[in-house]
Amino acid sequence: TRNFIIQTSLILKLDIDEMNYLLQLAGKSTLYVR
């Protein structure tokens, strides 16, 4: 799920670009700050 990727990114202390890359690989939408 998208939340799984976000939570994993938080645990691994990834930056925004790294997290967005994972989201893209998972076929999920990248962060949209609006």
PDB file of all heavy atoms in Angstrom:
ATOM      1  N   THR A   1       0.855  -1.181   0.000  1.00  0.00           N
ATOM      2  CA  THR A   1       0.000   0.000   0.000  1.00  0.00           C
ATOM      3  C   THR A   1       0.895   1.236   0.000  1.00  0.00           C
ATOM      4  O   THR A   1       2.092   1.173   0.305  1.00  0.00           O
ATOM      5  CB  THR A   1      -0.897   0.046   1.250  1.00  0.00           C
ATOM      6  OG1 THR A   1      -0.059   0.174   2.407  1.00  0.00           O
ATOM      7  CG2 THR A   1      -1.781  -1.185   1.353  1.00  0.00           C
ATOM      8  N   ARG A   2       0.315   2.350  -0.290  1.00  0.00           N
ATOM      9  CA  ARG A   2       1.057   3.616  -0.260  1.00  0.00           C
ATOM     10  C   ARG A   2       1.542   3.889   1.165  1.00  0.00           C
ATOM     11  O   ARG A   2       2.671   4.334   1.372  1.00  0.00           O
ATOM     12  CB  ARG A   2       0.152   4.742  -0.764  1.00  0.00           C
ATOM     13  CG  ARG A   2       0.868   6.057  -1.003  1.00  0.00           C
ATOM     14  CD  ARG A   2      -0.069   7.017  -1.753  1.00  0.00           C
ATOM     15  NE  ARG A   2       0.628   8.213  -2.152  1.00  0.00           N
ATOM     16  CZ  ARG A   2       0.648   9.322  -1.428  1.00  0.00           C
ATOM     17  NH1 ARG A   2       0.008   9.388  -0.269  1.00  0.00           N
ATOM     18  NH2 ARG A   2       1.300  10.390  -1.865  1.00  0.00           N
ATOM     19  N   ASN A   3       0.679   3.625   2.145  1.00  0.00           N
ATOM     20  CA  ASN A   3       1.080   3.861   3.538  1.00  0.00           C
ATOM     21  C   ASN A   3       2.237   2.956   3.957  1.00  0.00           C
ATOM     22  O   ASN A   3       3.085   3.364   4.747  1.00  0.00           O
ATOM     23  CB  ASN A   3      -0.110   3.678   4.487  1.00  0.00           C
ATOM     24  CG  ASN A   3      -1.038   4.870   4.468  1.00  0.00           C
ATOM     25  OD1 ASN A   3      -0.744   5.897   3.864  1.00  0.00           O
ATOM     26  ND2 ASN A   3      -2.172   4.739   5.122  1.00  0.00           N
ATOM     27  N   PHE A   4       2.277   1.739   3.450  1.00  0.00           N
ATOM     28  CA  PHE A   4       3.399   0.840   3.758  1.00  0.00           C
ATOM     29  C   PHE A   4       4.707   1.473   3.282  1.00  0.00           C
ATOM     30  O   PHE A   4       5.696   1.481   4.003  1.00  0.00           O
ATOM     31  CB  PHE A   4       3.181  -0.517   3.074  1.00  0.00           C
ATOM     32  CG  PHE A   4       4.216  -1.556   3.409  1.00  0.00           C
ATOM     33  CD1 PHE A   4       3.964  -2.518   4.381  1.00  0.00           C
ATOM     34  CD2 PHE A   4       5.445  -1.593   2.748  1.00  0.00           C
ATOM     35  CE1 PHE A   4       4.917  -3.490   4.691  1.00  0.00           C
ATOM     36  CE2 PHE A   4       6.398  -2.555   3.044  1.00  0.00           C
ATOM     37  CZ  PHE A   4       6.133  -3.508   4.021  1.00  0.00           C
ATOM     38  N   ILE A   5       4.688   2.019   2.072  1.00  0.00           N
ATOM     39  CA  ILE A   5       5.891   2.668   1.527  1.00  0.00           C
ATOM     40  C   ILE A   5       6.253   3.902   2.354  1.00  0.00           C
ATOM     41  O   ILE A   5       7.421   4.122   2.686  1.00  0.00           O
ATOM     42  CB  ILE A   5       5.687   3.065   0.044  1.00  0.00           C
ATOM     43  CG1 ILE A   5       5.484   1.835  -0.825  1.00  0.00           C
ATOM     44  CG2 ILE A   5       6.857   3.911  -0.458  1.00  0.00           C
ATOM     45  CD1 ILE A   5       6.682   0.942  -0.954  1.00  0.00           C
ATOM     46  N   ILE A   6       5.272   4.703   2.699  1.00  0.00           N
ATOM     47  CA  ILE A   6       5.540   5.907   3.491  1.00  0.00           C
ATOM     48  C   ILE A   6       6.109   5.527   4.852  1.00  0.00           C
ATOM     49  O   ILE A   6       7.124   6.084   5.298  1.00  0.00           O
ATOM     50  CB  ILE A   6       4.264   6.768   3.633  1.00  0.00           C
ATOM     51  CG1 ILE A   6       3.901   7.391   2.271  1.00  0.00           C
ATOM     52  CG2 ILE A   6       4.450   7.851   4.696  1.00  0.00           C
ATOM     53  CD1 ILE A   6       2.548   8.055   2.227  1.00  0.00           C
ATOM     54  N   GLN A   7       5.493   4.559   5.514  1.00  0.00           N
ATOM     55  CA  GLN A   7       5.975   4.148   6.832  1.00  0.00           C
ATOM     56  C   GLN A   7       7.376   3.543   6.743  1.00  0.00           C
ATOM     57  O   GLN A   7       8.236   3.826   7.583  1.00  0.00           O
ATOM     58  CB  GLN A   7       4.998   3.174   7.475  1.00  0.00           C
ATOM     59  CG  GLN A   7       3.710   3.861   7.921  1.00  0.00           C
ATOM     60  CD  GLN A   7       2.729   2.866   8.497  1.00  0.00           C
ATOM     61  OE1 GLN A   7       1.959   2.279   7.761  1.00  0.00           O
ATOM     62  NE2 GLN A   7       2.786   2.682   9.794  1.00  0.00           N
ATOM     63  N   THR A   8       7.623   2.744   5.735  1.00  0.00           N
ATOM     64  CA  THR A   8       8.952   2.175   5.537  1.00  0.00           C
ATOM     65  C   THR A   8       9.973   3.289   5.333  1.00  0.00           C
ATOM     66  O   THR A   8      11.072   3.261   5.900  1.00  0.00           O
ATOM     67  CB  THR A   8       8.961   1.210   4.328  1.00  0.00           C
ATOM     68  OG1 THR A   8       8.040   0.146   4.586  1.00  0.00           O
ATOM     69  CG2 THR A   8      10.337   0.645   4.076  1.00  0.00           C
ATOM     70  N   SER A   9       9.606   4.286   4.559  1.00  0.00           N
ATOM     71  CA  SER A   9      10.498   5.421   4.306  1.00  0.00           C
ATOM     72  C   SER A   9      10.814   6.171   5.590  1.00  0.00           C
ATOM     73  O   SER A   9      11.953   6.611   5.792  1.00  0.00           O
ATOM     74  CB  SER A   9       9.862   6.372   3.289  1.00  0.00           C
ATOM     75  OG  SER A   9       9.659   5.714   2.061  1.00  0.00           O
ATOM     76  N   LEU A  10       9.823   6.314   6.448  1.00  0.00           N
ATOM     77  CA  LEU A  10      10.048   6.989   7.730  1.00  0.00           C
ATOM     78  C   LEU A  10      10.990   6.173   8.614  1.00  0.00           C
ATOM     79  O   LEU A  10      11.905   6.721   9.239  1.00  0.00           O
ATOM     80  CB  LEU A  10       8.715   7.217   8.450  1.00  0.00           C
ATOM     81  CG  LEU A  10       7.786   8.261   7.830  1.00  0.00           C
ATOM     82  CD1 LEU A  10       6.383   8.135   8.412  1.00  0.00           C
ATOM     83  CD2 LEU A  10       8.341   9.663   8.037  1.00  0.00           C
ATOM     84  N   ILE A  11      10.788   4.871   8.658  1.00  0.00           N
ATOM     85  CA  ILE A  11      11.634   3.999   9.477  1.00  0.00           C
ATOM     86  C   ILE A  11      13.075   4.022   8.964  1.00  0.00           C
ATOM     87  O   ILE A  11      14.023   4.109   9.748  1.00  0.00           O
ATOM     88  CB  ILE A  11      11.093   2.559   9.491  1.00  0.00           C
ATOM     89  CG1 ILE A  11       9.777   2.502  10.263  1.00  0.00           C
ATOM     90  CG2 ILE A  11      12.120   1.590  10.098  1.00  0.00           C
ATOM     91  CD1 ILE A  11       8.999   1.218  10.089  1.00  0.00           C
ATOM     92  N   LEU A  12      13.233   3.977   7.652  1.00  0.00           N
ATOM     93  CA  LEU A  12      14.566   3.935   7.055  1.00  0.00           C
ATOM     94  C   LEU A  12      15.209   5.319   6.969  1.00  0.00           C
ATOM     95  O   LEU A  12      16.347   5.442   6.519  1.00  0.00           O
ATOM     96  CB  LEU A  12      14.500   3.299   5.663  1.00  0.00           C
ATOM     97  CG  LEU A  12      14.011   1.860   5.604  1.00  0.00           C
ATOM     98  CD1 LEU A  12      13.919   1.375   4.160  1.00  0.00           C
ATOM     99  CD2 LEU A  12      14.909   0.952   6.423  1.00  0.00           C
ATOM    100  N   LYS A  13      14.448   6.337   7.367  1.00  0.00           N
ATOM    101  CA  LYS A  13      14.921   7.721   7.326  1.00  0.00           C
ATOM    102  C   LYS A  13      15.358   8.137   5.918  1.00  0.00           C
ATOM    103  O   LYS A  13      16.412   8.739   5.719  1.00  0.00           O
ATOM    104  CB  LYS A  13      16.036   7.955   8.343  1.00  0.00           C
ATOM    105  CG  LYS A  13      15.588   7.675   9.772  1.00  0.00           C
ATOM    106  CD  LYS A  13      16.541   8.212  10.785  1.00  0.00           C
ATOM    107  CE  LYS A  13      16.119   7.926  12.206  1.00  0.00           C
ATOM    108  NZ  LYS A  13      14.835   8.338  12.620  1.00  0.00           N
ATOM    109  N   LEU A  14      14.500   7.791   4.955  1.00  0.00           N
ATOM    110  CA  LEU A  14      14.761   8.164   3.571  1.00  0.00           C
ATOM    111  C   LEU A  14      14.430   9.633   3.362  1.00  0.00           C
ATOM    112  O   LEU A  14      13.637  10.209   4.111  1.00  0.00           O
ATOM    113  CB  LEU A  14      13.919   7.311   2.618  1.00  0.00           C
ATOM    114  CG  LEU A  14      14.091   5.799   2.701  1.00  0.00           C
ATOM    115  CD1 LEU A  14      13.227   5.116   1.650  1.00  0.00           C
ATOM    116  CD2 LEU A  14      15.557   5.396   2.542  1.00  0.00           C
ATOM    117  N   ASP A  15      15.003  10.222   2.338  1.00  0.00           N
ATOM    118  CA  ASP A  15      14.631  11.591   2.004  1.00  0.00           C
ATOM    119  C   ASP A  15      13.434  11.547   1.041  1.00  0.00           C
ATOM    120  O   ASP A  15      12.986  10.466   0.641  1.00  0.00           O
ATOM    121  CB  ASP A  15      15.812  12.384   1.447  1.00  0.00           C
ATOM    122  CG  ASP A  15      16.362  11.851   0.132  1.00  0.00           C
ATOM    123  OD1 ASP A  15      15.603  11.243  -0.655  1.00  0.00           O
ATOM    124  OD2 ASP A  15      17.565  12.052  -0.116  1.00  0.00           O
ATOM    125  N   ILE A  16      12.933  12.699   0.691  1.00  0.00           N
ATOM    126  CA  ILE A  16      11.729  12.784  -0.153  1.00  0.00           C
ATOM    127  C   ILE A  16      11.947  12.112  -1.506  1.00  0.00           C
ATOM    128  O   ILE A  16      11.092  11.370  -1.989  1.00  0.00           O
ATOM    129  CB  ILE A  16      11.304  14.260  -0.346  1.00  0.00           C
ATOM    130  CG1 ILE A  16      10.931  14.906   0.992  1.00  0.00           C
ATOM    131  CG2 ILE A  16      10.157  14.374  -1.350  1.00  0.00           C
ATOM    132  CD1 ILE A  16       9.761  14.275   1.702  1.00  0.00           C
ATOM    133  N   ASP A  17      13.096  12.365  -2.132  1.00  0.00           N
ATOM    134  CA  ASP A  17      13.360  11.770  -3.443  1.00  0.00           C
ATOM    135  C   ASP A  17      13.399  10.246  -3.372  1.00  0.00           C
ATOM    136  O   ASP A  17      12.853   9.567  -4.249  1.00  0.00           O
ATOM    137  CB  ASP A  17      14.684  12.290  -4.016  1.00  0.00           C
ATOM    138  CG  ASP A  17      14.609  13.755  -4.407  1.00  0.00           C
ATOM    139  OD1 ASP A  17      13.495  14.254  -4.671  1.00  0.00           O
ATOM    140  OD2 ASP A  17      15.669  14.397  -4.462  1.00  0.00           O
ATOM    141  N   GLU A  18      14.025   9.708  -2.337  1.00  0.00           N
ATOM    142  CA  GLU A  18      14.091   8.252  -2.184  1.00  0.00           C
ATOM    143  C   GLU A  18      12.702   7.666  -1.965  1.00  0.00           C
ATOM    144  O   GLU A  18      12.351   6.637  -2.545  1.00  0.00           O
ATOM    145  CB  GLU A  18      15.009   7.878  -1.017  1.00  0.00           C
ATOM    146  CG  GLU A  18      16.473   8.182  -1.263  1.00  0.00           C
ATOM    147  CD  GLU A  18      17.317   8.062  -0.013  1.00  0.00           C
ATOM    148  OE1 GLU A  18      16.887   8.533   1.064  1.00  0.00           O
ATOM    149  OE2 GLU A  18      18.422   7.504  -0.117  1.00  0.00           O
ATOM    150  N   MET A  19      11.899   8.334  -1.140  1.00  0.00           N
ATOM    151  CA  MET A  19      10.551   7.847  -0.893  1.00  0.00           C
ATOM    152  C   MET A  19       9.705   7.929  -2.157  1.00  0.00           C
ATOM    153  O   MET A  19       8.985   6.981  -2.484  1.00  0.00           O
ATOM    154  CB  MET A  19       9.868   8.622   0.228  1.00  0.00           C
ATOM    155  CG  MET A  19       8.500   8.046   0.541  1.00  0.00           C
ATOM    156  SD  MET A  19       7.557   8.970   1.715  1.00  0.00           S
ATOM    157  CE  MET A  19       7.491  10.524   0.914  1.00  0.00           C
ATOM    158  N   ASN A  20       9.795   9.030  -2.880  1.00  0.00           N
ATOM    159  CA  ASN A  20       9.032   9.161  -4.123  1.00  0.00           C
ATOM    160  C   ASN A  20       9.444   8.104  -5.139  1.00  0.00           C
ATOM    161  O   ASN A  20       8.611   7.592  -5.885  1.00  0.00           O
ATOM    162  CB  ASN A  20       9.171  10.564  -4.705  1.00  0.00           C
ATOM    163  CG  ASN A  20       8.215  11.547  -4.062  1.00  0.00           C
ATOM    164  OD1 ASN A  20       7.155  11.172  -3.564  1.00  0.00           O
ATOM    165  ND2 ASN A  20       8.591  12.804  -4.065  1.00  0.00           N
ATOM    166  N   TYR A  21      10.720   7.750  -5.156  1.00  0.00           N
ATOM    167  CA  TYR A  21      11.206   6.697  -6.049  1.00  0.00           C
ATOM    168  C   TYR A  21      10.533   5.367  -5.695  1.00  0.00           C
ATOM    169  O   TYR A  21      10.055   4.646  -6.578  1.00  0.00           O
ATOM    170  CB  TYR A  21      12.728   6.597  -5.951  1.00  0.00           C
ATOM    171  CG  TYR A  21      13.337   5.535  -6.830  1.00  0.00           C
ATOM    172  CD1 TYR A  21      13.198   5.572  -8.215  1.00  0.00           C
ATOM    173  CD2 TYR A  21      14.061   4.495  -6.269  1.00  0.00           C
ATOM    174  CE1 TYR A  21      13.767   4.593  -9.017  1.00  0.00           C
ATOM    175  CE2 TYR A  21      14.634   3.512  -7.072  1.00  0.00           C
ATOM    176  CZ  TYR A  21      14.485   3.571  -8.436  1.00  0.00           C
ATOM    177  OH  TYR A  21      15.033   2.611  -9.232  1.00  0.00           O
ATOM    178  N   LEU A  22      10.473   5.049  -4.409  1.00  0.00           N
ATOM    179  CA  LEU A  22       9.798   3.816  -3.985  1.00  0.00           C
ATOM    180  C   LEU A  22       8.321   3.850  -4.361  1.00  0.00           C
ATOM    181  O   LEU A  22       7.769   2.847  -4.820  1.00  0.00           O
ATOM    182  CB  LEU A  22       9.949   3.600  -2.478  1.00  0.00           C
ATOM    183  CG  LEU A  22      11.331   3.267  -1.957  1.00  0.00           C
ATOM    184  CD1 LEU A  22      11.294   3.097  -0.433  1.00  0.00           C
ATOM    185  CD2 LEU A  22      11.896   2.023  -2.617  1.00  0.00           C
ATOM    186  N   LEU A  23       7.682   4.988  -4.158  1.00  0.00           N
ATOM    187  CA  LEU A  23       6.268   5.127  -4.508  1.00  0.00           C
ATOM    188  C   LEU A  23       6.069   4.893  -6.010  1.00  0.00           C
ATOM    189  O   LEU A  23       5.125   4.212  -6.415  1.00  0.00           O
ATOM    190  CB  LEU A  23       5.731   6.498  -4.091  1.00  0.00           C
ATOM    191  CG  LEU A  23       5.540   6.706  -2.591  1.00  0.00           C
ATOM    192  CD1 LEU A  23       5.321   8.182  -2.276  1.00  0.00           C
ATOM    193  CD2 LEU A  23       4.387   5.864  -2.057  1.00  0.00           C
ATOM    194  N   GLN A  24       6.962   5.437  -6.817  1.00  0.00           N
ATOM    195  CA  GLN A  24       6.864   5.238  -8.269  1.00  0.00           C
ATOM    196  C   GLN A  24       7.030   3.771  -8.626  1.00  0.00           C
ATOM    197  O   GLN A  24       6.272   3.235  -9.439  1.00  0.00           O
ATOM    198  CB  GLN A  24       7.922   6.063  -8.998  1.00  0.00           C
ATOM    199  CG  GLN A  24       7.628   7.533  -9.019  1.00  0.00           C
ATOM    200  CD  GLN A  24       8.758   8.331  -9.658  1.00  0.00           C
ATOM    201  OE1 GLN A  24       9.915   7.946  -9.604  1.00  0.00           O
ATOM    202  NE2 GLN A  24       8.399   9.445 -10.266  1.00  0.00           N
ATOM    203  N   LEU A  25       8.022   3.106  -8.024  1.00  0.00           N
ATOM    204  CA  LEU A  25       8.236   1.688  -8.311  1.00  0.00           C
ATOM    205  C   LEU A  25       7.022   0.853  -7.921  1.00  0.00           C
ATOM    206  O   LEU A  25       6.734  -0.162  -8.554  1.00  0.00           O
ATOM    207  CB  LEU A  25       9.471   1.162  -7.571  1.00  0.00           C
ATOM    208  CG  LEU A  25      10.831   1.613  -8.096  1.00  0.00           C
ATOM    209  CD1 LEU A  25      11.944   1.061  -7.215  1.00  0.00           C
ATOM    210  CD2 LEU A  25      11.030   1.194  -9.550  1.00  0.00           C
ATOM    211  N   ALA A  26       6.324   1.278  -6.876  1.00  0.00           N
ATOM    212  CA  ALA A  26       5.137   0.553  -6.417  1.00  0.00           C
ATOM    213  C   ALA A  26       3.890   0.929  -7.219  1.00  0.00           C
ATOM    214  O   ALA A  26       2.812   0.363  -6.994  1.00  0.00           O
ATOM    215  CB  ALA A  26       4.902   0.834  -4.934  1.00  0.00           C
ATOM    216  N   GLY A  27       4.024   1.882  -8.132  1.00  0.00           N
ATOM    217  CA  GLY A  27       2.873   2.308  -8.923  1.00  0.00           C
ATOM    218  C   GLY A  27       1.915   3.195  -8.142  1.00  0.00           C
ATOM    219  O   GLY A  27       0.732   3.269  -8.468  1.00  0.00           O
ATOM    220  N   LYS A  28       2.431   3.865  -7.126  1.00  0.00           N
ATOM    221  CA  LYS A  28       1.612   4.739  -6.289  1.00  0.00           C
ATOM    222  C   LYS A  28       1.937   6.197  -6.601  1.00  0.00           C
ATOM    223  O   LYS A  28       3.000   6.509  -7.132  1.00  0.00           O
ATOM    224  CB  LYS A  28       1.884   4.481  -4.794  1.00  0.00           C
ATOM    225  CG  LYS A  28       1.769   3.039  -4.368  1.00  0.00           C
ATOM    226  CD  LYS A  28       0.400   2.466  -4.606  1.00  0.00           C
ATOM    227  CE  LYS A  28       0.329   1.012  -4.160  1.00  0.00           C
ATOM    228  NZ  LYS A  28      -0.863   0.354  -4.592  1.00  0.00           N
ATOM    229  N   SER A  29       1.050   7.087  -6.234  1.00  0.00           N
ATOM    230  CA  SER A  29       1.292   8.505  -6.484  1.00  0.00           C
ATOM    231  C   SER A  29       2.371   9.028  -5.544  1.00  0.00           C
ATOM    232  O   SER A  29       2.448   8.637  -4.381  1.00  0.00           O
ATOM    233  CB  SER A  29       0.005   9.311  -6.320  1.00  0.00           C
ATOM    234  OG  SER A  29      -0.492   9.186  -5.008  1.00  0.00           O
ATOM    235  N   THR A  30       3.211   9.903  -6.090  1.00  0.00           N
ATOM    236  CA  THR A  30       4.253  10.524  -5.284  1.00  0.00           C
ATOM    237  C   THR A  30       3.611  11.596  -4.401  1.00  0.00           C
ATOM    238  O   THR A  30       2.436  11.929  -4.571  1.00  0.00           O
ATOM    239  CB  THR A  30       5.344  11.140  -6.181  1.00  0.00           C
ATOM    240  OG1 THR A  30       4.745  12.076  -7.070  1.00  0.00           O
ATOM    241  CG2 THR A  30       6.073  10.058  -6.972  1.00  0.00           C
ATOM    242  N   LEU A  31       4.402  12.119  -3.478  1.00  0.00           N
ATOM    243  CA  LEU A  31       3.862  13.130  -2.563  1.00  0.00           C
ATOM    244  C   LEU A  31       3.393  14.359  -3.319  1.00  0.00           C
ATOM    245  O   LEU A  31       4.052  14.823  -4.241  1.00  0.00           O
ATOM    246  CB  LEU A  31       4.936  13.577  -1.564  1.00  0.00           C
ATOM    247  CG  LEU A  31       5.251  12.655  -0.417  1.00  0.00           C
ATOM    248  CD1 LEU A  31       6.190  13.359   0.558  1.00  0.00           C
ATOM    249  CD2 LEU A  31       4.033  12.157   0.307  1.00  0.00           C
ATOM    250  N   TYR A  32       2.274  14.881  -2.883  1.00  0.00           N
ATOM    251  CA  TYR A  32       1.711  16.111  -3.420  1.00  0.00           C
ATOM    252  C   TYR A  32       1.371  16.973  -2.217  1.00  0.00           C
ATOM    253  O   TYR A  32       0.390  16.702  -1.503  1.00  0.00           O
ATOM    254  CB  TYR A  32       0.466  15.800  -4.262  1.00  0.00           C
ATOM    255  CG  TYR A  32      -0.197  17.012  -4.853  1.00  0.00           C
ATOM    256  CD1 TYR A  32       0.477  17.803  -5.781  1.00  0.00           C
ATOM    257  CD2 TYR A  32      -1.482  17.379  -4.498  1.00  0.00           C
ATOM    258  CE1 TYR A  32      -0.113  18.915  -6.337  1.00  0.00           C
ATOM    259  CE2 TYR A  32      -2.095  18.490  -5.054  1.00  0.00           C
ATOM    260  CZ  TYR A  32      -1.402  19.260  -5.969  1.00  0.00           C
ATOM    261  OH  TYR A  32      -1.990  20.363  -6.519  1.00  0.00           O
ATOM    262  N   VAL A  33       2.195  17.988  -1.948  1.00  0.00           N
ATOM    263  CA  VAL A  33       2.074  18.721  -0.689  1.00  0.00           C
ATOM    264  C   VAL A  33       0.812  19.555  -0.560  1.00  0.00           C
ATOM    265  O   VAL A  33       0.543  20.084   0.516  1.00  0.00           O
ATOM    266  CB  VAL A  33       3.323  19.581  -0.386  1.00  0.00           C
ATOM    267  CG1 VAL A  33       4.541  18.709  -0.182  1.00  0.00           C
ATOM    268  CG2 VAL A  33       3.547  20.616  -1.464  1.00  0.00           C
ATOM    269  N   ARG A  34       0.021  19.647  -1.583  1.00  0.00           N
ATOM    270  CA  ARG A  34      -1.277  20.323  -1.439  1.00  0.00           C
ATOM    271  C   ARG A  34      -2.314  19.393  -0.810  1.00  0.00           C
ATOM    272  O   ARG A  34      -3.389  19.819  -0.432  1.00  0.00           O
ATOM    273  CB  ARG A  34      -1.756  20.864  -2.774  1.00  0.00           C
ATOM    274  CG  ARG A  34      -0.865  21.992  -3.257  1.00  0.00           C
ATOM    275  CD  ARG A  34      -1.539  22.821  -4.299  1.00  0.00           C
ATOM    276  NE  ARG A  34      -0.697  23.898  -4.744  1.00  0.00           N
ATOM    277  CZ  ARG A  34      -0.664  25.100  -4.174  1.00  0.00           C
ATOM    278  NH1 ARG A  34      -1.416  25.369  -3.144  1.00  0.00           N
ATOM    279  NH2 ARG A  34       0.126  26.036  -4.649  1.00  0.00           N
TER     280      ARG A  34
END
